[in-house]
């Protein structure tokens, strides 16, 4: 039985209105207690957590309390990584007509001029190093927004791992990156190891599911003709992300089964830190949704760790 690694990556960031634009002043972090409690539940199961932290989180009082608690109590099970949200991360471009707001295009770090992208990531890297005593070597671009200069910059700053790729996703309608040609297979770019966030397709037929997840071209072929679209509907094809945000443990388990059958050896389970607190993100707009997210999260992790059909080992990146 092949061993598969399971890593948890938390997009550790501020709370803000996801539909309200990108403003420098939207930097509130009030979910430190709730995030800590949710993470302790996972850590006590034996899981490992990578906190991909942005500037607003690491410079907040509650964010720093989370960092201290994790270092004091779970140092061997946690990793502190970087997560670049350009709109809250200095240095800022004071030549903009509106210095507090940025266009959606520039919310993707990879769309910034190379010198600006590097300056922002450098400041974040140094701040995390200062707070944790350890220089981060794992990167998650805000909004998965890697660009043509990103991997060169990561290499120059000493990064070893990137987890910014979202398989089968296309963000070009928002001026973001196009990952529609990527599967869950690992790859290397400019000396940086790239581990995609686990996502893909499920359906009523496991062999068909595996066929879709093996090659990104397969779904495109079906979507380009009427007969193919009928097949997709009849077989109940759904796109699923390995995340409790919007997906059930049952859906995710089906995805995991397919990814493992197709040879994926490193799974990434992810969610946003703000989803640990009611109304912190769109996924937890009431107490019922919050409790359900937490329960589904624990149920999935327990099922994966205790699986009798797969050898899944909690691991840092």
C-alpha atoms as a PDB file:
ATOM      1  CA  UNK A   1       0.000   0.000   0.000  1.00  0.00           C
ATOM      2  CA  UNK A   2       1.476   3.315  -1.083  1.00  0.00           C
ATOM      3  CA  UNK A   3       1.899   6.044   1.508  1.00  0.00           C
ATOM      4  CA  UNK A   4       0.149   9.328   0.808  1.00  0.00           C
ATOM      5  CA  UNK A   5       0.910  12.554   2.648  1.00  0.00           C
ATOM      6  CA  UNK A   6      -1.893  14.728   3.993  1.00  0.00           C
ATOM      7  CA  UNK A   7      -1.121  18.399   4.614  1.00  0.00           C
ATOM      8  CA  UNK A   8      -3.514  21.007   5.961  1.00  0.00           C
ATOM      9  CA  UNK A   9      -2.959  24.524   4.612  1.00  0.00           C
ATOM     10  CA  UNK A  10      -4.868  27.350   6.255  1.00  0.00           C
ATOM     11  CA  UNK A  11      -5.223  30.599   4.315  1.00  0.00           C
ATOM     12  CA  UNK A  12      -4.477  32.619   7.446  1.00  0.00           C
ATOM     13  CA  UNK A  13      -5.733  36.130   6.874  1.00  0.00           C
ATOM     14  CA  UNK A  14      -7.994  39.022   7.877  1.00  0.00           C
ATOM     15  CA  UNK A  15     -11.778  39.122   7.778  1.00  0.00           C
ATOM     16  CA  UNK A  16     -13.240  41.199   4.958  1.00  0.00           C
ATOM     17  CA  UNK A  17     -16.207  41.405   2.612  1.00  0.00           C
ATOM     18  CA  UNK A  18     -15.192  39.163  -0.280  1.00  0.00           C
ATOM     19  CA  UNK A  19     -17.546  41.005  -2.628  1.00  0.00           C
ATOM     20  CA  UNK A  20     -16.650  44.487  -1.433  1.00  0.00           C
ATOM     21  CA  UNK A  21     -13.423  45.122  -3.294  1.00  0.00           C
ATOM     22  CA  UNK A  22      -9.854  45.299  -2.043  1.00  0.00           C
ATOM     23  CA  UNK A  23      -9.135  48.024   0.470  1.00  0.00           C
ATOM     24  CA  UNK A  24      -5.968  48.569   2.484  1.00  0.00           C
ATOM     25  CA  UNK A  25      -7.987  49.263   5.636  1.00  0.00           C
ATOM     26  CA  UNK A  26      -9.872  45.949   5.607  1.00  0.00           C
ATOM     27  CA  UNK A  27      -7.375  44.313   7.931  1.00  0.00           C
ATOM     28  CA  UNK A  28      -9.382  43.244  10.980  1.00  0.00           C
ATOM     29  CA  UNK A  29      -8.392  39.987  12.707  1.00  0.00           C
ATOM     30  CA  UNK A  30     -10.803  39.008  15.494  1.00  0.00           C
ATOM     31  CA  UNK A  31     -10.931  35.227  15.079  1.00  0.00           C
ATOM     32  CA  UNK A  32      -7.739  34.253  16.897  1.00  0.00           C
ATOM     33  CA  UNK A  33      -9.491  32.349  19.713  1.00  0.00           C
ATOM     34  CA  UNK A  34     -11.827  30.505  17.358  1.00  0.00           C
ATOM     35  CA  UNK A  35      -9.008  29.603  14.973  1.00  0.00           C
ATOM     36  CA  UNK A  36      -6.883  28.284  17.829  1.00  0.00           C
ATOM     37  CA  UNK A  37      -9.715  26.093  19.095  1.00  0.00           C
ATOM     38  CA  UNK A  38     -10.425  24.693  15.642  1.00  0.00           C
ATOM     39  CA  UNK A  39      -6.753  23.973  15.023  1.00  0.00           C
ATOM     40  CA  UNK A  40      -6.277  22.269  18.389  1.00  0.00           C
ATOM     41  CA  UNK A  41      -9.072  19.855  17.455  1.00  0.00           C
ATOM     42  CA  UNK A  42      -7.125  18.913  14.304  1.00  0.00           C
ATOM     43  CA  UNK A  43      -3.715  18.840  15.941  1.00  0.00           C
ATOM     44  CA  UNK A  44      -4.975  16.539  18.683  1.00  0.00           C
ATOM     45  CA  UNK A  45      -5.998  14.076  15.958  1.00  0.00           C
ATOM     46  CA  UNK A  46      -2.332  13.989  14.952  1.00  0.00           C
ATOM     47  CA  UNK A  47      -2.676  16.330  11.973  1.00  0.00           C
ATOM     48  CA  UNK A  48      -0.050  18.858  10.857  1.00  0.00           C
ATOM     49  CA  UNK A  49      -0.911  22.416   9.874  1.00  0.00           C
ATOM     50  CA  UNK A  50       0.760  24.940   7.607  1.00  0.00           C
ATOM     51  CA  UNK A  51      -0.342  28.464   8.490  1.00  0.00           C
ATOM     52  CA  UNK A  52       0.027  30.477   5.276  1.00  0.00           C
ATOM     53  CA  UNK A  53      -0.110  33.928   6.879  1.00  0.00           C
ATOM     54  CA  UNK A  54      -0.621  37.343   5.350  1.00  0.00           C
ATOM     55  CA  UNK A  55       0.531  40.765   6.583  1.00  0.00           C
ATOM     56  CA  UNK A  56      -2.732  41.709   8.277  1.00  0.00           C
ATOM     57  CA  UNK A  57      -2.714  38.508  10.321  1.00  0.00           C
ATOM     58  CA  UNK A  58       0.922  38.524  11.411  1.00  0.00           C
ATOM     59  CA  UNK A  59       0.844  42.188  12.424  1.00  0.00           C
ATOM     60  CA  UNK A  60      -2.373  41.825  14.454  1.00  0.00           C
ATOM     61  CA  UNK A  61      -2.434  41.186  18.190  1.00  0.00           C
ATOM     62  CA  UNK A  62      -4.612  38.105  17.853  1.00  0.00           C
ATOM     63  CA  UNK A  63      -2.543  36.734  15.001  1.00  0.00           C
ATOM     64  CA  UNK A  64       0.615  36.984  17.054  1.00  0.00           C
ATOM     65  CA  UNK A  65      -1.141  35.258  19.955  1.00  0.00           C
ATOM     66  CA  UNK A  66      -1.972  32.345  17.652  1.00  0.00           C
ATOM     67  CA  UNK A  67       1.647  32.122  16.526  1.00  0.00           C
ATOM     68  CA  UNK A  68       2.942  32.105  20.112  1.00  0.00           C
ATOM     69  CA  UNK A  69       0.427  29.479  21.219  1.00  0.00           C
ATOM     70  CA  UNK A  70       1.269  27.155  18.345  1.00  0.00           C
ATOM     71  CA  UNK A  71       5.009  27.505  18.883  1.00  0.00           C
ATOM     72  CA  UNK A  72       4.688  26.844  22.599  1.00  0.00           C
ATOM     73  CA  UNK A  73       2.364  23.854  22.324  1.00  0.00           C
ATOM     74  CA  UNK A  74       2.600  22.251  18.873  1.00  0.00           C
ATOM     75  CA  UNK A  75       5.950  23.316  17.429  1.00  0.00           C
ATOM     76  CA  UNK A  76       6.606  19.968  15.736  1.00  0.00           C
ATOM     77  CA  UNK A  77       3.202  19.899  14.038  1.00  0.00           C
ATOM     78  CA  UNK A  78       3.032  23.393  12.559  1.00  0.00           C
ATOM     79  CA  UNK A  79       4.750  25.381   9.838  1.00  0.00           C
ATOM     80  CA  UNK A  80       4.544  29.132   9.254  1.00  0.00           C
ATOM     81  CA  UNK A  81       4.367  30.080   5.583  1.00  0.00           C
ATOM     82  CA  UNK A  82       3.591  33.257   3.627  1.00  0.00           C
ATOM     83  CA  UNK A  83       0.327  34.316   1.997  1.00  0.00           C
ATOM     84  CA  UNK A  84       0.542  37.548   0.014  1.00  0.00           C
ATOM     85  CA  UNK A  85      -2.533  39.802  -0.087  1.00  0.00           C
ATOM     86  CA  UNK A  86      -1.162  42.814  -2.001  1.00  0.00           C
ATOM     87  CA  UNK A  87      -3.860  45.246  -0.880  1.00  0.00           C
ATOM     88  CA  UNK A  88      -2.898  45.036   2.821  1.00  0.00           C
ATOM     89  CA  UNK A  89       0.818  44.294   2.423  1.00  0.00           C
ATOM     90  CA  UNK A  90       3.342  47.174   2.264  1.00  0.00           C
ATOM     91  CA  UNK A  91       5.076  48.803   0.545  1.00  0.00           C
ATOM     92  CA  UNK A  92       2.146  50.637  -1.027  1.00  0.00           C
ATOM     93  CA  UNK A  93       2.069  52.541  -4.300  1.00  0.00           C
ATOM     94  CA  UNK A  94       1.396  56.097  -3.254  1.00  0.00           C
ATOM     95  CA  UNK A  95       1.090  57.165  -6.883  1.00  0.00           C
ATOM     96  CA  UNK A  96      -2.276  55.424  -7.281  1.00  0.00           C
ATOM     97  CA  UNK A  97      -5.220  57.771  -7.698  1.00  0.00           C
ATOM     98  CA  UNK A  98      -6.895  55.992  -4.784  1.00  0.00           C
ATOM     99  CA  UNK A  99      -4.205  54.763  -2.425  1.00  0.00           C
ATOM    100  CA  UNK A 100      -6.582  52.724  -0.259  1.00  0.00           C
ATOM    101  CA  UNK A 101      -8.226  50.657  -3.009  1.00  0.00           C
ATOM    102  CA  UNK A 102      -6.755  48.529  -5.763  1.00  0.00           C
ATOM    103  CA  UNK A 103      -8.305  47.058  -8.884  1.00  0.00           C
ATOM    104  CA  UNK A 104      -9.202  43.376  -8.859  1.00  0.00           C
ATOM    105  CA  UNK A 105      -6.453  42.672 -11.375  1.00  0.00           C
ATOM    106  CA  UNK A 106      -3.823  43.831  -8.885  1.00  0.00           C
ATOM    107  CA  UNK A 107      -5.318  41.721  -6.101  1.00  0.00           C
ATOM    108  CA  UNK A 108      -3.506  38.840  -7.805  1.00  0.00           C
ATOM    109  CA  UNK A 109       0.151  39.211  -6.713  1.00  0.00           C
ATOM    110  CA  UNK A 110       1.452  37.805  -9.984  1.00  0.00           C
ATOM    111  CA  UNK A 111      -0.054  40.743 -11.887  1.00  0.00           C
ATOM    112  CA  UNK A 112       2.078  43.260 -10.006  1.00  0.00           C
ATOM    113  CA  UNK A 113       5.287  44.630 -11.526  1.00  0.00           C
ATOM    114  CA  UNK A 114       8.088  42.230 -10.587  1.00  0.00           C
ATOM    115  CA  UNK A 115       9.832  44.738  -8.336  1.00  0.00           C
ATOM    116  CA  UNK A 116       6.590  45.441  -6.437  1.00  0.00           C
ATOM    117  CA  UNK A 117       5.710  41.763  -6.047  1.00  0.00           C
ATOM    118  CA  UNK A 118       9.188  41.059  -4.708  1.00  0.00           C
ATOM    119  CA  UNK A 119       9.198  44.063  -2.361  1.00  0.00           C
ATOM    120  CA  UNK A 120       5.892  43.051  -0.804  1.00  0.00           C
ATOM    121  CA  UNK A 121       6.855  39.400  -0.432  1.00  0.00           C
ATOM    122  CA  UNK A 122      10.244  40.398   0.993  1.00  0.00           C
ATOM    123  CA  UNK A 123       8.608  42.509   3.707  1.00  0.00           C
ATOM    124  CA  UNK A 124       6.200  39.709   4.598  1.00  0.00           C
ATOM    125  CA  UNK A 125       9.002  37.153   4.655  1.00  0.00           C
ATOM    126  CA  UNK A 126      11.096  39.276   7.001  1.00  0.00           C
ATOM    127  CA  UNK A 127       8.147  39.984   9.297  1.00  0.00           C
ATOM    128  CA  UNK A 128       7.320  36.273   9.667  1.00  0.00           C
ATOM    129  CA  UNK A 129      10.987  35.494  10.249  1.00  0.00           C
ATOM    130  CA  UNK A 130      11.114  38.175  12.950  1.00  0.00           C
ATOM    131  CA  UNK A 131       7.996  36.859  14.714  1.00  0.00           C
ATOM    132  CA  UNK A 132       8.667  33.118  14.493  1.00  0.00           C
ATOM    133  CA  UNK A 133      12.453  32.947  14.437  1.00  0.00           C
ATOM    134  CA  UNK A 134      12.246  30.762  11.338  1.00  0.00           C
ATOM    135  CA  UNK A 135      12.484  31.962   7.740  1.00  0.00           C
ATOM    136  CA  UNK A 136       9.464  30.695   5.782  1.00  0.00           C
ATOM    137  CA  UNK A 137      10.110  28.441   2.793  1.00  0.00           C
ATOM    138  CA  UNK A 138       6.511  27.729   1.686  1.00  0.00           C
ATOM    139  CA  UNK A 139       4.380  30.201  -0.268  1.00  0.00           C
ATOM    140  CA  UNK A 140       0.690  30.540  -1.100  1.00  0.00           C
ATOM    141  CA  UNK A 141      -0.190  33.440  -3.377  1.00  0.00           C
ATOM    142  CA  UNK A 142      -3.267  35.393  -2.364  1.00  0.00           C
ATOM    143  CA  UNK A 143      -6.179  34.313  -4.564  1.00  0.00           C
ATOM    144  CA  UNK A 144      -3.820  31.644  -5.996  1.00  0.00           C
ATOM    145  CA  UNK A 145      -2.364  34.518  -8.010  1.00  0.00           C
ATOM    146  CA  UNK A 146       1.027  33.397  -9.226  1.00  0.00           C
ATOM    147  CA  UNK A 147       2.387  35.130 -12.327  1.00  0.00           C
ATOM    148  CA  UNK A 148       5.253  35.077 -14.775  1.00  0.00           C
ATOM    149  CA  UNK A 149       7.744  36.503 -12.264  1.00  0.00           C
ATOM    150  CA  UNK A 150       6.594  34.700  -9.123  1.00  0.00           C
ATOM    151  CA  UNK A 151       8.745  31.585  -9.196  1.00  0.00           C
ATOM    152  CA  UNK A 152      11.935  33.483  -9.976  1.00  0.00           C
ATOM    153  CA  UNK A 153      11.175  35.764  -7.027  1.00  0.00           C
ATOM    154  CA  UNK A 154      10.450  32.794  -4.764  1.00  0.00           C
ATOM    155  CA  UNK A 155      13.758  31.195  -5.654  1.00  0.00           C
ATOM    156  CA  UNK A 156      15.651  34.444  -5.021  1.00  0.00           C
ATOM    157  CA  UNK A 157      14.038  34.714  -1.579  1.00  0.00           C
ATOM    158  CA  UNK A 158      14.868  31.138  -0.634  1.00  0.00           C
ATOM    159  CA  UNK A 159      11.462  29.507  -0.999  1.00  0.00           C
ATOM    160  CA  UNK A 160      11.317  25.755  -1.606  1.00  0.00           C
ATOM    161  CA  UNK A 161       7.597  24.981  -1.940  1.00  0.00           C
ATOM    162  CA  UNK A 162       4.629  26.692  -3.600  1.00  0.00           C
ATOM    163  CA  UNK A 163       0.996  25.670  -3.026  1.00  0.00           C
ATOM    164  CA  UNK A 164      -0.685  28.308  -5.208  1.00  0.00           C
ATOM    165  CA  UNK A 165      -1.909  26.156  -8.081  1.00  0.00           C
ATOM    166  CA  UNK A 166      -5.640  25.354  -8.128  1.00  0.00           C
ATOM    167  CA  UNK A 167      -6.115  22.446 -10.586  1.00  0.00           C
ATOM    168  CA  UNK A 168      -8.720  22.767 -13.345  1.00  0.00           C
ATOM    169  CA  UNK A 169      -9.528  26.380 -12.319  1.00  0.00           C
ATOM    170  CA  UNK A 170      -9.552  29.392 -14.622  1.00  0.00           C
ATOM    171  CA  UNK A 171      -9.538  32.877 -13.097  1.00  0.00           C
ATOM    172  CA  UNK A 172      -8.994  34.773 -16.347  1.00  0.00           C
ATOM    173  CA  UNK A 173     -12.469  36.343 -16.136  1.00  0.00           C
ATOM    174  CA  UNK A 174     -11.041  38.288 -13.170  1.00  0.00           C
ATOM    175  CA  UNK A 175      -7.638  38.890 -14.809  1.00  0.00           C
ATOM    176  CA  UNK A 176      -6.266  36.040 -12.703  1.00  0.00           C
ATOM    177  CA  UNK A 177      -4.222  32.961 -13.655  1.00  0.00           C
ATOM    178  CA  UNK A 178      -5.442  30.081 -15.780  1.00  0.00           C
ATOM    179  CA  UNK A 179      -4.927  26.674 -14.132  1.00  0.00           C
ATOM    180  CA  UNK A 180      -7.379  24.807 -16.372  1.00  0.00           C
ATOM    181  CA  UNK A 181      -4.507  22.835 -17.888  1.00  0.00           C
ATOM    182  CA  UNK A 182      -3.207  21.613 -14.518  1.00  0.00           C
ATOM    183  CA  UNK A 183      -4.067  18.383 -12.728  1.00  0.00           C
ATOM    184  CA  UNK A 184      -3.092  17.452  -9.165  1.00  0.00           C
ATOM    185  CA  UNK A 185       0.334  16.236 -10.264  1.00  0.00           C
ATOM    186  CA  UNK A 186       3.315  17.876  -8.576  1.00  0.00           C
ATOM    187  CA  UNK A 187       5.837  19.731 -10.729  1.00  0.00           C
ATOM    188  CA  UNK A 188       8.878  21.978 -10.416  1.00  0.00           C
ATOM    189  CA  UNK A 189       9.196  25.563 -11.620  1.00  0.00           C
ATOM    190  CA  UNK A 190      12.465  27.513 -11.407  1.00  0.00           C
ATOM    191  CA  UNK A 191      13.722  25.196  -8.680  1.00  0.00           C
ATOM    192  CA  UNK A 192      10.532  25.515  -6.603  1.00  0.00           C
ATOM    193  CA  UNK A 193       8.487  22.404  -5.815  1.00  0.00           C
ATOM    194  CA  UNK A 194       4.830  23.027  -6.679  1.00  0.00           C
ATOM    195  CA  UNK A 195       2.138  21.025  -4.878  1.00  0.00           C
ATOM    196  CA  UNK A 196      -1.363  21.867  -6.183  1.00  0.00           C
ATOM    197  CA  UNK A 197      -4.284  22.425  -3.807  1.00  0.00           C
ATOM    198  CA  UNK A 198      -6.253  19.168  -4.046  1.00  0.00           C
ATOM    199  CA  UNK A 199      -9.318  19.548  -6.247  1.00  0.00           C
ATOM    200  CA  UNK A 200     -10.957  17.743  -9.136  1.00  0.00           C
ATOM    201  CA  UNK A 201     -14.080  15.952 -10.222  1.00  0.00           C
ATOM    202  CA  UNK A 202     -16.465  13.360  -8.855  1.00  0.00           C
ATOM    203  CA  UNK A 203     -19.317  11.513 -10.595  1.00  0.00           C
ATOM    204  CA  UNK A 204     -21.586   8.479 -10.261  1.00  0.00           C
ATOM    205  CA  UNK A 205     -19.012   6.308 -12.061  1.00  0.00           C
ATOM    206  CA  UNK A 206     -15.563   5.950 -10.470  1.00  0.00           C
ATOM    207  CA  UNK A 207     -13.765   4.960 -13.676  1.00  0.00           C
ATOM    208  CA  UNK A 208     -15.167   8.023 -15.435  1.00  0.00           C
ATOM    209  CA  UNK A 209     -14.185  10.211 -12.477  1.00  0.00           C
ATOM    210  CA  UNK A 210     -10.607   8.937 -12.683  1.00  0.00           C
ATOM    211  CA  UNK A 211     -10.545   9.569 -16.428  1.00  0.00           C
ATOM    212  CA  UNK A 212     -11.511  13.210 -15.862  1.00  0.00           C
ATOM    213  CA  UNK A 213      -8.936  13.732 -13.106  1.00  0.00           C
ATOM    214  CA  UNK A 214      -6.048  12.202 -15.060  1.00  0.00           C
ATOM    215  CA  UNK A 215      -6.027  14.733 -17.885  1.00  0.00           C
ATOM    216  CA  UNK A 216      -7.410  18.263 -17.928  1.00  0.00           C
ATOM    217  CA  UNK A 217      -8.166  17.974 -21.661  1.00  0.00           C
ATOM    218  CA  UNK A 218     -10.841  15.348 -21.144  1.00  0.00           C
ATOM    219  CA  UNK A 219     -13.449  17.646 -19.610  1.00  0.00           C
ATOM    220  CA  UNK A 220     -12.818  20.319 -22.242  1.00  0.00           C
ATOM    221  CA  UNK A 221     -13.500  17.820 -25.005  1.00  0.00           C
ATOM    222  CA  UNK A 222     -16.825  16.842 -23.455  1.00  0.00           C
ATOM    223  CA  UNK A 223     -17.849  20.448 -22.861  1.00  0.00           C
ATOM    224  CA  UNK A 224     -17.270  21.301 -26.514  1.00  0.00           C
ATOM    225  CA  UNK A 225     -20.150  19.216 -27.848  1.00  0.00           C
ATOM    226  CA  UNK A 226     -23.770  18.543 -26.962  1.00  0.00           C
ATOM    227  CA  UNK A 227     -23.330  14.780 -26.495  1.00  0.00           C
ATOM    228  CA  UNK A 228     -20.448  15.366 -24.114  1.00  0.00           C
ATOM    229  CA  UNK A 229     -22.487  17.810 -22.051  1.00  0.00           C
ATOM    230  CA  UNK A 230     -25.284  15.250 -21.791  1.00  0.00           C
ATOM    231  CA  UNK A 231     -22.818  12.644 -20.514  1.00  0.00           C
ATOM    232  CA  UNK A 232     -21.549  15.038 -17.858  1.00  0.00           C
ATOM    233  CA  UNK A 233     -25.074  15.728 -16.645  1.00  0.00           C
ATOM    234  CA  UNK A 234     -26.213  12.097 -16.685  1.00  0.00           C
ATOM    235  CA  UNK A 235     -23.152  10.997 -14.709  1.00  0.00           C
ATOM    236  CA  UNK A 236     -23.599  13.797 -12.172  1.00  0.00           C
ATOM    237  CA  UNK A 237     -20.171  15.359 -12.623  1.00  0.00           C
ATOM    238  CA  UNK A 238     -19.272  17.871  -9.915  1.00  0.00           C
ATOM    239  CA  UNK A 239     -16.128  19.846  -9.278  1.00  0.00           C
ATOM    240  CA  UNK A 240     -14.951  19.417  -5.685  1.00  0.00           C
ATOM    241  CA  UNK A 241     -12.244  21.039  -3.621  1.00  0.00           C
ATOM    242  CA  UNK A 242     -10.602  19.321  -0.662  1.00  0.00           C
ATOM    243  CA  UNK A 243     -12.026  21.852   1.760  1.00  0.00           C
ATOM    244  CA  UNK A 244     -14.901  21.986   4.251  1.00  0.00           C
ATOM    245  CA  UNK A 245     -15.888  25.319   2.712  1.00  0.00           C
ATOM    246  CA  UNK A 246     -18.855  24.433   0.548  1.00  0.00           C
ATOM    247  CA  UNK A 247     -18.162  20.701   0.334  1.00  0.00           C
ATOM    248  CA  UNK A 248     -19.245  17.769   2.471  1.00  0.00           C
ATOM    249  CA  UNK A 249     -16.964  15.085   3.848  1.00  0.00           C
ATOM    250  CA  UNK A 250     -18.760  12.602   1.564  1.00  0.00           C
ATOM    251  CA  UNK A 251     -17.953  14.635  -1.557  1.00  0.00           C
ATOM    252  CA  UNK A 252     -14.350  15.116  -0.491  1.00  0.00           C
ATOM    253  CA  UNK A 253     -13.912  11.418   0.293  1.00  0.00           C
ATOM    254  CA  UNK A 254     -15.026  10.574  -3.254  1.00  0.00           C
ATOM    255  CA  UNK A 255     -12.515  13.069  -4.621  1.00  0.00           C
ATOM    256  CA  UNK A 256      -9.718  11.683  -2.450  1.00  0.00           C
ATOM    257  CA  UNK A 257     -10.477   8.135  -3.562  1.00  0.00           C
ATOM    258  CA  UNK A 258     -10.170   9.187  -7.195  1.00  0.00           C
ATOM    259  CA  UNK A 259      -7.000  11.213  -6.690  1.00  0.00           C
ATOM    260  CA  UNK A 260      -5.330   8.311  -4.922  1.00  0.00           C
ATOM    261  CA  UNK A 261      -6.388   5.872  -7.642  1.00  0.00           C
ATOM    262  CA  UNK A 262      -4.820   8.189 -10.223  1.00  0.00           C
ATOM    263  CA  UNK A 263      -1.488   8.291  -8.389  1.00  0.00           C
ATOM    264  CA  UNK A 264      -1.579  11.500  -6.333  1.00  0.00           C
ATOM    265  CA  UNK A 265       0.798  11.105  -3.387  1.00  0.00           C
ATOM    266  CA  UNK A 266       0.338  14.418  -1.573  1.00  0.00           C
ATOM    267  CA  UNK A 267      -3.087  15.758  -0.588  1.00  0.00           C
ATOM    268  CA  UNK A 268      -3.700  19.352   0.481  1.00  0.00           C
ATOM    269  CA  UNK A 269      -6.748  20.056   2.618  1.00  0.00           C
ATOM    270  CA  UNK A 270      -7.437  23.787   2.968  1.00  0.00           C
ATOM    271  CA  UNK A 271      -9.731  26.485   4.294  1.00  0.00           C
ATOM    272  CA  UNK A 272      -9.643  30.153   5.303  1.00  0.00           C
ATOM    273  CA  UNK A 273      -8.823  31.045   8.896  1.00  0.00           C
ATOM    274  CA  UNK A 274     -11.807  33.402   9.039  1.00  0.00           C
ATOM    275  CA  UNK A 275     -14.143  30.442   8.529  1.00  0.00           C
ATOM    276  CA  UNK A 276     -13.422  29.478  12.143  1.00  0.00           C
ATOM    277  CA  UNK A 277     -15.706  32.300  13.373  1.00  0.00           C
ATOM    278  CA  UNK A 278     -19.370  32.886  12.589  1.00  0.00           C
ATOM    279  CA  UNK A 279     -19.735  35.484   9.817  1.00  0.00           C
ATOM    280  CA  UNK A 280     -15.967  35.543   9.374  1.00  0.00           C
ATOM    281  CA  UNK A 281     -16.332  34.292   5.785  1.00  0.00           C
ATOM    282  CA  UNK A 282     -19.223  33.620   3.372  1.00  0.00           C
ATOM    283  CA  UNK A 283     -19.149  29.933   4.318  1.00  0.00           C
ATOM    284  CA  UNK A 284     -20.219  30.492   7.934  1.00  0.00           C
ATOM    285  CA  UNK A 285     -23.045  33.008   7.867  1.00  0.00           C
ATOM    286  CA  UNK A 286     -24.850  31.429  10.839  1.00  0.00           C
ATOM    287  CA  UNK A 287     -24.102  29.165  13.779  1.00  0.00           C
ATOM    288  CA  UNK A 288     -25.538  26.122  12.026  1.00  0.00           C
ATOM    289  CA  UNK A 289     -23.198  26.579   9.051  1.00  0.00           C
ATOM    290  CA  UNK A 290     -20.230  27.081  11.362  1.00  0.00           C
ATOM    291  CA  UNK A 291     -20.958  23.967  13.417  1.00  0.00           C
ATOM    292  CA  UNK A 292     -21.527  21.939  10.272  1.00  0.00           C
ATOM    293  CA  UNK A 293     -18.223  23.076   8.771  1.00  0.00           C
ATOM    294  CA  UNK A 294     -16.331  22.121  11.916  1.00  0.00           C
ATOM    295  CA  UNK A 295     -18.055  18.743  12.184  1.00  0.00           C
ATOM    296  CA  UNK A 296     -17.535  17.880   8.519  1.00  0.00           C
ATOM    297  CA  UNK A 297     -13.894  18.898   8.807  1.00  0.00           C
ATOM    298  CA  UNK A 298     -13.205  16.606  11.765  1.00  0.00           C
ATOM    299  CA  UNK A 299     -15.219  13.737  10.284  1.00  0.00           C
ATOM    300  CA  UNK A 300     -13.224  13.857   7.070  1.00  0.00           C
ATOM    301  CA  UNK A 301      -9.844  14.024   8.775  1.00  0.00           C
ATOM    302  CA  UNK A 302     -10.720  11.127  11.074  1.00  0.00           C
ATOM    303  CA  UNK A 303     -11.860   9.046   8.108  1.00  0.00           C
ATOM    304  CA  UNK A 304      -8.685   9.762   6.164  1.00  0.00           C
ATOM    305  CA  UNK A 305      -6.282   9.127   9.030  1.00  0.00           C
ATOM    306  CA  UNK A 306      -8.054   5.905  10.052  1.00  0.00           C
ATOM    307  CA  UNK A 307      -8.658   4.652   6.508  1.00  0.00           C
ATOM    308  CA  UNK A 308      -8.267   0.907   6.066  1.00  0.00           C
ATOM    309  CA  UNK A 309      -8.012   1.173   2.281  1.00  0.00           C
ATOM    310  CA  UNK A 310      -5.428   3.969   2.056  1.00  0.00           C
ATOM    311  CA  UNK A 311      -2.226   4.676   3.962  1.00  0.00           C
ATOM    312  CA  UNK A 312      -2.544   8.398   4.643  1.00  0.00           C
ATOM    313  CA  UNK A 313       0.048  10.095   6.845  1.00  0.00           C
ATOM    314  CA  UNK A 314      -0.324  13.618   8.279  1.00  0.00           C
ATOM    315  CA  UNK A 315       2.659  15.656   7.138  1.00  0.00           C
ATOM    316  CA  UNK A 316       4.042  19.145   6.913  1.00  0.00           C
ATOM    317  CA  UNK A 317       4.888  20.374   3.435  1.00  0.00           C
END
